[in-house]
Amino acid sequence: MPWNEVMHKWKAGTLKSGGSGEPVHSRKQAIAIMLSEKRKAAEGKKEYQIGSMLKAAGRMKHGAKG
């Protein structure tokens, strides 16, 4: 679900959490739902995997390439 659609549903009070089905009240929780859905849609693309991001950050920190 795109950012504007998630925020519109959150403000309208129609965004539901996946586990309990209760309405989402927190803006942070709405953003977390959006990011989770984005990760599921990408199905394991490297830019969404934390490990690959940490590796890239470590390489940049130490000046290594690749």
PDB file of N, CA and C in Angstrom:
ATOM      1  N   MET A   1       0.843  -1.163   0.000  1.00  0.00           N
ATOM      2  CA  MET A   1       0.000   0.000   0.000  1.00  0.00           C
ATOM      3  C   MET A   1       0.896   1.236   0.000  1.00  0.00           C
ATOM      4  N   PRO A   2       0.662   2.189  -0.889  1.00  0.00           N
ATOM      5  CA  PRO A   2       1.492   3.403  -0.931  1.00  0.00           C
ATOM      6  C   PRO A   2       1.307   4.279   0.314  1.00  0.00           C
ATOM      7  N   TRP A   3       2.277   5.154   0.519  1.00  0.00           N
ATOM      8  CA  TRP A   3       2.303   6.051   1.681  1.00  0.00           C
ATOM      9  C   TRP A   3       1.003   6.832   1.836  1.00  0.00           C
ATOM     10  N   ASN A   4       0.551   7.483   0.758  1.00  0.00           N
ATOM     11  CA  ASN A   4      -0.631   8.339   0.882  1.00  0.00           C
ATOM     12  C   ASN A   4      -1.884   7.522   1.198  1.00  0.00           C
ATOM     13  N   GLU A   5      -1.976   6.307   0.698  1.00  0.00           N
ATOM     14  CA  GLU A   5      -3.134   5.460   0.978  1.00  0.00           C
ATOM     15  C   GLU A   5      -3.138   5.008   2.440  1.00  0.00           C
ATOM     16  N   VAL A   6      -1.964   4.643   2.948  1.00  0.00           N
ATOM     17  CA  VAL A   6      -1.851   4.221   4.350  1.00  0.00           C
ATOM     18  C   VAL A   6      -2.229   5.377   5.273  1.00  0.00           C
ATOM     19  N   MET A   7      -1.677   6.546   5.014  1.00  0.00           N
ATOM     20  CA  MET A   7      -1.947   7.689   5.889  1.00  0.00           C
ATOM     21  C   MET A   7      -3.407   8.126   5.803  1.00  0.00           C
ATOM     22  N   HIS A   8      -4.007   8.018   4.627  1.00  0.00           N
ATOM     23  CA  HIS A   8      -5.426   8.368   4.480  1.00  0.00           C
ATOM     24  C   HIS A   8      -6.291   7.409   5.312  1.00  0.00           C
ATOM     25  N   LYS A   9      -5.999   6.109   5.217  1.00  0.00           N
ATOM     26  CA  LYS A   9      -6.761   5.124   5.994  1.00  0.00           C
ATOM     27  C   LYS A   9      -6.542   5.322   7.489  1.00  0.00           C
ATOM     28  N   TRP A  10      -5.286   5.645   7.878  1.00  0.00           N
ATOM     29  CA  TRP A  10      -4.991   5.860   9.291  1.00  0.00           C
ATOM     30  C   TRP A  10      -5.781   7.050   9.839  1.00  0.00           C
ATOM     31  N   LYS A  11      -5.763   8.160   9.101  1.00  0.00           N
ATOM     32  CA  LYS A  11      -6.485   9.351   9.553  1.00  0.00           C
ATOM     33  C   LYS A  11      -7.988   9.124   9.599  1.00  0.00           C
ATOM     34  N   ALA A  12      -8.504   8.321   8.651  1.00  0.00           N
ATOM     35  CA  ALA A  12      -9.937   8.038   8.613  1.00  0.00           C
ATOM     36  C   ALA A  12     -10.338   7.017   9.677  1.00  0.00           C
ATOM     37  N   GLY A  13      -9.339   6.321  10.261  1.00  0.00           N
ATOM     38  CA  GLY A  13      -9.627   5.332  11.290  1.00  0.00           C
ATOM     39  C   GLY A  13     -10.004   3.972  10.727  1.00  0.00           C
ATOM     40  N   THR A  14      -9.698   3.720   9.457  1.00  0.00           N
ATOM     41  CA  THR A  14     -10.066   2.450   8.829  1.00  0.00           C
ATOM     42  C   THR A  14      -8.871   1.518   8.636  1.00  0.00           C
ATOM     43  N   LEU A  15      -7.666   1.931   9.038  1.00  0.00           N
ATOM     44  CA  LEU A  15      -6.484   1.074   8.931  1.00  0.00           C
ATOM     45  C   LEU A  15      -6.509   0.096  10.095  1.00  0.00           C
ATOM     46  N   LYS A  16      -6.451  -1.200   9.783  1.00  0.00           N
ATOM     47  CA  LYS A  16      -6.536  -2.241  10.807  1.00  0.00           C
ATOM     48  C   LYS A  16      -5.195  -2.956  10.934  1.00  0.00           C
ATOM     49  N   SER A  17      -4.892  -3.393  12.157  1.00  0.00           N
ATOM     50  CA  SER A  17      -3.678  -4.162  12.363  1.00  0.00           C
ATOM     51  C   SER A  17      -3.921  -5.593  11.904  1.00  0.00           C
ATOM     52  N   GLY A  18      -2.862  -6.258  11.493  1.00  0.00           N
ATOM     53  CA  GLY A  18      -2.996  -7.598  10.944  1.00  0.00           C
ATOM     54  C   GLY A  18      -3.339  -8.656  11.976  1.00  0.00           C
ATOM     55  N   GLY A  19      -2.754  -8.573  13.149  1.00  0.00           N
ATOM     56  CA  GLY A  19      -2.945  -9.612  14.153  1.00  0.00           C
ATOM     57  C   GLY A  19      -4.313  -9.605  14.793  1.00  0.00           C
ATOM     58  N   SER A  20      -4.682  -8.480  15.383  1.00  0.00           N
ATOM     59  CA  SER A  20      -5.931  -8.429  16.147  1.00  0.00           C
ATOM     60  C   SER A  20      -7.098  -7.872  15.337  1.00  0.00           C
ATOM     61  N   GLY A  21      -6.805  -7.168  14.262  1.00  0.00           N
ATOM     62  CA  GLY A  21      -7.874  -6.568  13.472  1.00  0.00           C
ATOM     63  C   GLY A  21      -8.411  -5.282  14.079  1.00  0.00           C
ATOM     64  N   GLU A  22      -7.746  -4.802  15.136  1.00  0.00           N
ATOM     65  CA  GLU A  22      -8.155  -3.555  15.785  1.00  0.00           C
ATOM     66  C   GLU A  22      -7.704  -2.361  14.949  1.00  0.00           C
ATOM     67  N   PRO A  23      -8.414  -1.247  15.035  1.00  0.00           N
ATOM     68  CA  PRO A  23      -7.976  -0.036  14.322  1.00  0.00           C
ATOM     69  C   PRO A  23      -6.628   0.451  14.858  1.00  0.00           C
ATOM     70  N   VAL A  24      -5.803   0.968  13.972  1.00  0.00           N
ATOM     71  CA  VAL A  24      -4.486   1.474  14.332  1.00  0.00           C
ATOM     72  C   VAL A  24      -4.630   2.925  14.773  1.00  0.00           C
ATOM     73  N   HIS A  25      -4.092   3.243  15.952  1.00  0.00           N
ATOM     74  CA  HIS A  25      -4.186   4.608  16.471  1.00  0.00           C
ATOM     75  C   HIS A  25      -2.872   5.370  16.358  1.00  0.00           C
ATOM     76  N   SER A  26      -1.766   4.656  16.289  1.00  0.00           N
ATOM     77  CA  SER A  26      -0.450   5.275  16.293  1.00  0.00           C
ATOM     78  C   SER A  26       0.055   5.514  14.864  1.00  0.00           C
ATOM     79  N   ARG A  27       0.616   6.698  14.642  1.00  0.00           N
ATOM     80  CA  ARG A  27       1.202   7.012  13.335  1.00  0.00           C
ATOM     81  C   ARG A  27       2.394   6.102  13.066  1.00  0.00           C
ATOM     82  N   LYS A  28       3.184   5.829  14.101  1.00  0.00           N
ATOM     83  CA  LYS A  28       4.341   4.948  13.950  1.00  0.00           C
ATOM     84  C   LYS A  28       3.905   3.544  13.550  1.00  0.00           C
ATOM     85  N   GLN A  29       2.798   3.073  14.114  1.00  0.00           N
ATOM     86  CA  GLN A  29       2.314   1.747  13.776  1.00  0.00           C
ATOM     87  C   GLN A  29       1.833   1.713  12.322  1.00  0.00           C
ATOM     88  N   ALA A  30       1.221   2.800  11.859  1.00  0.00           N
ATOM     89  CA  ALA A  30       0.774   2.877  10.465  1.00  0.00           C
ATOM     90  C   ALA A  30       1.974   2.803   9.517  1.00  0.00           C
ATOM     91  N   ILE A  31       3.044   3.496   9.855  1.00  0.00           N
ATOM     92  CA  ILE A  31       4.256   3.469   9.036  1.00  0.00           C
ATOM     93  C   ILE A  31       4.869   2.073   9.055  1.00  0.00           C
ATOM     94  N   ALA A  32       4.870   1.418  10.218  1.00  0.00           N
ATOM     95  CA  ALA A  32       5.415   0.066  10.323  1.00  0.00           C
ATOM     96  C   ALA A  32       4.629  -0.914   9.455  1.00  0.00           C
ATOM     97  N   ILE A  33       3.323  -0.765   9.395  1.00  0.00           N
ATOM     98  CA  ILE A  33       2.490  -1.616   8.550  1.00  0.00           C
ATOM     99  C   ILE A  33       2.849  -1.395   7.089  1.00  0.00           C
ATOM    100  N   MET A  34       3.016  -0.147   6.694  1.00  0.00           N
ATOM    101  CA  MET A  34       3.362   0.167   5.307  1.00  0.00           C
ATOM    102  C   MET A  34       4.713  -0.453   4.935  1.00  0.00           C
ATOM    103  N   LEU A  35       5.713  -0.320   5.797  1.00  0.00           N
ATOM    104  CA  LEU A  35       7.035  -0.868   5.513  1.00  0.00           C
ATOM    105  C   LEU A  35       7.010  -2.393   5.457  1.00  0.00           C
ATOM    106  N   SER A  36       6.225  -2.995   6.331  1.00  0.00           N
ATOM    107  CA  SER A  36       6.102  -4.443   6.336  1.00  0.00           C
ATOM    108  C   SER A  36       5.489  -4.940   5.031  1.00  0.00           C
ATOM    109  N   GLU A  37       4.439  -4.268   4.575  1.00  0.00           N
ATOM    110  CA  GLU A  37       3.808  -4.652   3.311  1.00  0.00           C
ATOM    111  C   GLU A  37       4.755  -4.440   2.138  1.00  0.00           C
ATOM    112  N   LYS A  38       5.550  -3.394   2.221  1.00  0.00           N
ATOM    113  CA  LYS A  38       6.513  -3.119   1.154  1.00  0.00           C
ATOM    114  C   LYS A  38       7.566  -4.228   1.088  1.00  0.00           C
ATOM    115  N   ARG A  39       8.038  -4.694   2.253  1.00  0.00           N
ATOM    116  CA  ARG A  39       9.006  -5.783   2.300  1.00  0.00           C
ATOM    117  C   ARG A  39       8.410  -7.076   1.748  1.00  0.00           C
ATOM    118  N   LYS A  40       7.167  -7.367   2.107  1.00  0.00           N
ATOM    119  CA  LYS A  40       6.513  -8.578   1.616  1.00  0.00           C
ATOM    120  C   LYS A  40       6.344  -8.521   0.097  1.00  0.00           C
ATOM    121  N   ALA A  41       6.033  -7.348  -0.429  1.00  0.00           N
ATOM    122  CA  ALA A  41       5.851  -7.200  -1.873  1.00  0.00           C
ATOM    123  C   ALA A  41       7.171  -7.376  -2.607  1.00  0.00           C
ATOM    124  N   ALA A  42       8.269  -6.962  -1.982  1.00  0.00           N
ATOM    125  CA  ALA A  42       9.580  -7.065  -2.617  1.00  0.00           C
ATOM    126  C   ALA A  42      10.126  -8.493  -2.549  1.00  0.00           C
ATOM    127  N   GLU A  43       9.608  -9.305  -1.649  1.00  0.00           N
ATOM    128  CA  GLU A  43       9.995 -10.700  -1.466  1.00  0.00           C
ATOM    129  C   GLU A  43      11.502 -10.924  -1.484  1.00  0.00           C
ATOM    130  N   GLY A  44      12.158 -10.316  -0.504  1.00  0.00           N
ATOM    131  CA  GLY A  44      13.565 -10.619  -0.293  1.00  0.00           C
ATOM    132  C   GLY A  44      14.545  -9.830  -1.132  1.00  0.00           C
ATOM    133  N   LYS A  45      14.132  -8.728  -1.722  1.00  0.00           N
ATOM    134  CA  LYS A  45      15.104  -7.911  -2.452  1.00  0.00           C
ATOM    135  C   LYS A  45      16.134  -7.387  -1.462  1.00  0.00           C
ATOM    136  N   LYS A  46      17.371  -7.281  -1.903  1.00  0.00           N
ATOM    137  CA  LYS A  46      18.468  -6.949  -0.991  1.00  0.00           C
ATOM    138  C   LYS A  46      18.315  -5.599  -0.310  1.00  0.00           C
ATOM    139  N   GLU A  47      17.688  -4.627  -0.972  1.00  0.00           N
ATOM    140  CA  GLU A  47      17.614  -3.308  -0.343  1.00  0.00           C
ATOM    141  C   GLU A  47      16.725  -3.301   0.896  1.00  0.00           C
ATOM    142  N   TYR A  48      15.922  -4.369   1.099  1.00  0.00           N
ATOM    143  CA  TYR A  48      15.073  -4.434   2.278  1.00  0.00           C
ATOM    144  C   TYR A  48      15.645  -5.348   3.358  1.00  0.00           C
ATOM    145  N   GLN A  49      16.777  -5.962   3.121  1.00  0.00           N
ATOM    146  CA  GLN A  49      17.333  -6.879   4.099  1.00  0.00           C
ATOM    147  C   GLN A  49      18.346  -6.145   4.974  1.00  0.00           C
ATOM    148  N   ILE A  50      18.145  -6.214   6.259  1.00  0.00           N
ATOM    149  CA  ILE A  50      18.973  -5.491   7.216  1.00  0.00           C
ATOM    150  C   ILE A  50      20.440  -5.928   7.107  1.00  0.00           C
ATOM    151  N   GLY A  51      20.688  -7.221   6.978  1.00  0.00           N
ATOM    152  CA  GLY A  51      22.063  -7.721   6.936  1.00  0.00           C
ATOM    153  C   GLY A  51      22.864  -7.092   5.823  1.00  0.00           C
ATOM    154  N   SER A  52      22.258  -6.995   4.635  1.00  0.00           N
ATOM    155  CA  SER A  52      22.992  -6.418   3.515  1.00  0.00           C
ATOM    156  C   SER A  52      23.259  -4.933   3.738  1.00  0.00           C
ATOM    157  N   MET A  53      22.340  -4.261   4.412  1.00  0.00           N
ATOM    158  CA  MET A  53      22.557  -2.837   4.694  1.00  0.00           C
ATOM    159  C   MET A  53      23.702  -2.668   5.686  1.00  0.00           C
ATOM    160  N   LEU A  54      23.757  -3.554   6.681  1.00  0.00           N
ATOM    161  CA  LEU A  54      24.833  -3.458   7.663  1.00  0.00           C
ATOM    162  C   LEU A  54      26.187  -3.759   7.029  1.00  0.00           C
ATOM    163  N   LYS A  55      26.214  -4.747   6.121  1.00  0.00           N
ATOM    164  CA  LYS A  55      27.454  -5.058   5.428  1.00  0.00           C
ATOM    165  C   LYS A  55      27.933  -3.869   4.607  1.00  0.00           C
ATOM    166  N   ALA A  56      27.006  -3.234   3.888  1.00  0.00           N
ATOM    167  CA  ALA A  56      27.356  -2.090   3.055  1.00  0.00           C
ATOM    168  C   ALA A  56      27.870  -0.943   3.923  1.00  0.00           C
ATOM    169  N   ALA A  57      27.239  -0.731   5.070  1.00  0.00           N
ATOM    170  CA  ALA A  57      27.673   0.333   5.969  1.00  0.00           C
ATOM    171  C   ALA A  57      29.070   0.038   6.508  1.00  0.00           C
ATOM    172  N   GLY A  58      29.343  -1.233   6.807  1.00  0.00           N
ATOM    173  CA  GLY A  58      30.666  -1.614   7.307  1.00  0.00           C
ATOM    174  C   GLY A  58      31.732  -1.407   6.252  1.00  0.00           C
ATOM    175  N   ARG A  59      31.412  -1.734   5.011  1.00  0.00           N
ATOM    176  CA  ARG A  59      32.382  -1.541   3.929  1.00  0.00           C
ATOM    177  C   ARG A  59      32.665  -0.060   3.726  1.00  0.00           C
ATOM    178  N   MET A  60      31.631   0.759   3.802  1.00  0.00           N
ATOM    179  CA  MET A  60      31.817   2.203   3.608  1.00  0.00           C
ATOM    180  C   MET A  60      32.660   2.766   4.750  1.00  0.00           C
ATOM    181  N   LYS A  61      32.421   2.256   5.954  1.00  0.00           N
ATOM    182  CA  LYS A  61      33.144   2.742   7.128  1.00  0.00           C
ATOM    183  C   LYS A  61      34.639   2.423   7.028  1.00  0.00           C
ATOM    184  N   HIS A  62      34.952   1.231   6.511  1.00  0.00           N
ATOM    185  CA  HIS A  62      36.347   0.796   6.439  1.00  0.00           C
ATOM    186  C   HIS A  62      37.011   1.127   5.121  1.00  0.00           C
ATOM    187  N   GLY A  63      36.257   1.673   4.181  1.00  0.00           N
ATOM    188  CA  GLY A  63      36.838   2.100   2.926  1.00  0.00           C
ATOM    189  C   GLY A  63      37.055   1.000   1.911  1.00  0.00           C
ATOM    190  N   ALA A  64      36.508  -0.182   2.146  1.00  0.00           N
ATOM    191  CA  ALA A  64      36.668  -1.286   1.181  1.00  0.00           C
ATOM    192  C   ALA A  64      35.640  -1.168   0.072  1.00  0.00           C
ATOM    193  N   LYS A  65      35.964  -1.703  -1.071  1.00  0.00           N
ATOM    194  CA  LYS A  65      35.039  -1.670  -2.196  1.00  0.00           C
ATOM    195  C   LYS A  65      34.384  -3.039  -2.350  1.00  0.00           C
ATOM    196  N   GLY A  66      33.089  -2.980  -2.917  1.00  0.00           N
ATOM    197  CA  GLY A  66      32.423  -4.220  -3.292  1.00  0.00           C
ATOM    198  C   GLY A  66      31.788  -4.877  -2.189  1.00  0.00           C
TER     199      GLY A  66
END
